[in-house]
Amino acid sequence: MEPGDRLVIVSDRVFSARSARGEFGARALEQATRRSRLQDTADVPLTIVNELIEHHEGANLADDAVVVCLDWHRPAARAATGAE
């Protein structure tokens, strides 16, 4: 990873969540991630979970859904000195 990269980790129950509309899947997850790219790190999981709930048309999810978002930054000591 490089400084400025974002890592979004989801449980299999997000990726493979099924509803009457079909599987949430890679395409919906990618679109939700792209739409949240300018959001603060803390807001990204909620955006993705909200889109998952919308995919399920508001019905309760059958299983847990875990979403974690991490933004990678340069370590503070290196940033202060400019060392790579």
Protein backbone atom coordinates (compact mmCIF):
# COMPACT_ATOMS: atom_id res chain seq x y z
CA MET A 1 0.00 0.00 0.00
CA GLU A 2 1.04 3.55 -0.66
CA PRO A 3 0.14 6.69 1.30
CA GLY A 4 -3.28 7.84 0.15
CA ASP A 5 -4.57 4.32 -0.56
CA ARG A 6 -7.87 3.19 0.93
CA LEU A 7 -8.58 -0.37 2.02
CA VAL A 8 -12.19 -1.52 2.33
CA ILE A 9 -12.69 -4.91 3.98
CA VAL A 10 -16.08 -6.63 3.92
CA SER A 11 -17.32 -9.90 5.33
CA ASP A 12 -18.55 -12.58 2.98
CA ARG A 13 -22.10 -11.76 4.10
CA VAL A 14 -21.79 -8.35 2.46
CA PHE A 15 -20.23 -9.62 -0.74
CA SER A 16 -22.53 -12.62 -1.22
CA ALA A 17 -25.69 -11.27 0.40
CA ARG A 18 -28.72 -12.48 -1.55
CA SER A 19 -32.14 -10.94 -1.82
CA ALA A 20 -35.06 -11.22 -4.22
CA ARG A 21 -33.02 -8.91 -6.47
CA GLY A 22 -30.12 -11.40 -6.52
CA GLU A 23 -26.62 -11.25 -5.07
CA PHE A 24 -25.20 -7.91 -3.86
CA GLY A 25 -21.91 -9.04 -5.42
CA ALA A 26 -18.74 -7.47 -6.70
CA ARG A 27 -20.37 -4.95 -9.02
CA ALA A 28 -22.63 -3.40 -6.37
CA LEU A 29 -19.80 -3.41 -3.84
CA GLU A 30 -17.45 -1.72 -6.30
CA GLN A 31 -20.07 0.93 -7.14
CA ALA A 32 -20.75 1.63 -3.46
CA THR A 33 -17.02 1.91 -2.79
CA ARG A 34 -16.52 4.29 -5.72
CA ARG A 35 -19.44 6.47 -4.61
CA SER A 36 -17.93 6.75 -1.13
CA ARG A 37 -14.39 7.60 -2.30
CA LEU A 38 -14.61 11.25 -1.22
CA GLN A 39 -16.21 10.49 2.13
CA ASP A 40 -14.44 10.49 5.45
CA THR A 41 -13.08 7.05 6.37
CA ALA A 42 -15.59 6.66 9.22
CA ASP A 43 -18.56 7.25 6.88
CA VAL A 44 -17.67 4.62 4.26
CA PRO A 45 -18.91 1.53 6.17
CA LEU A 46 -22.29 3.15 6.80
CA THR A 47 -22.64 4.06 3.12
CA ILE A 48 -21.91 0.49 2.03
CA VAL A 49 -24.23 -1.02 4.67
CA ASN A 50 -26.99 1.42 3.68
CA GLU A 51 -26.66 0.33 0.05
CA LEU A 52 -26.75 -3.31 1.16
CA ILE A 53 -29.97 -2.63 3.11
CA GLU A 54 -31.40 -0.84 0.07
CA HIS A 55 -30.50 -3.90 -2.03
CA HIS A 56 -32.58 -5.94 0.43
CA GLU A 57 -35.40 -3.40 0.08
CA GLY A 58 -35.29 -2.59 3.80
CA ALA A 59 -35.77 -6.20 4.94
CA ASN A 60 -33.69 -7.45 7.86
CA LEU A 61 -30.43 -9.07 6.82
CA ALA A 62 -30.29 -12.82 7.43
CA ASP A 63 -26.72 -12.63 8.76
CA ASP A 64 -24.14 -10.15 10.02
CA ALA A 65 -22.54 -7.66 7.66
CA VAL A 66 -19.11 -6.30 8.56
CA VAL A 67 -17.46 -3.40 6.72
CA VAL A 68 -14.16 -1.81 7.74
CA CYS A 69 -12.46 1.09 5.97
CA LEU A 70 -8.83 2.12 6.50
CA ASP A 71 -7.00 5.01 4.88
CA TRP A 72 -3.26 4.48 4.65
CA HIS A 73 -1.13 7.48 5.59
CA ARG A 74 2.58 8.01 5.88
CA PRO A 75 3.83 7.17 9.39
CA ALA A 76 4.03 10.34 11.51
CA ALA A 77 7.79 10.10 12.24
CA ARG A 78 8.63 9.84 8.55
CA ALA A 79 6.17 12.56 7.57
CA ALA A 80 7.78 15.00 10.01
CA THR A 81 11.31 14.40 8.67
CA GLY A 82 10.35 13.86 5.04
CA ALA A 83 12.30 10.55 5.04
CA GLU A 84 11.04 7.72 2.88
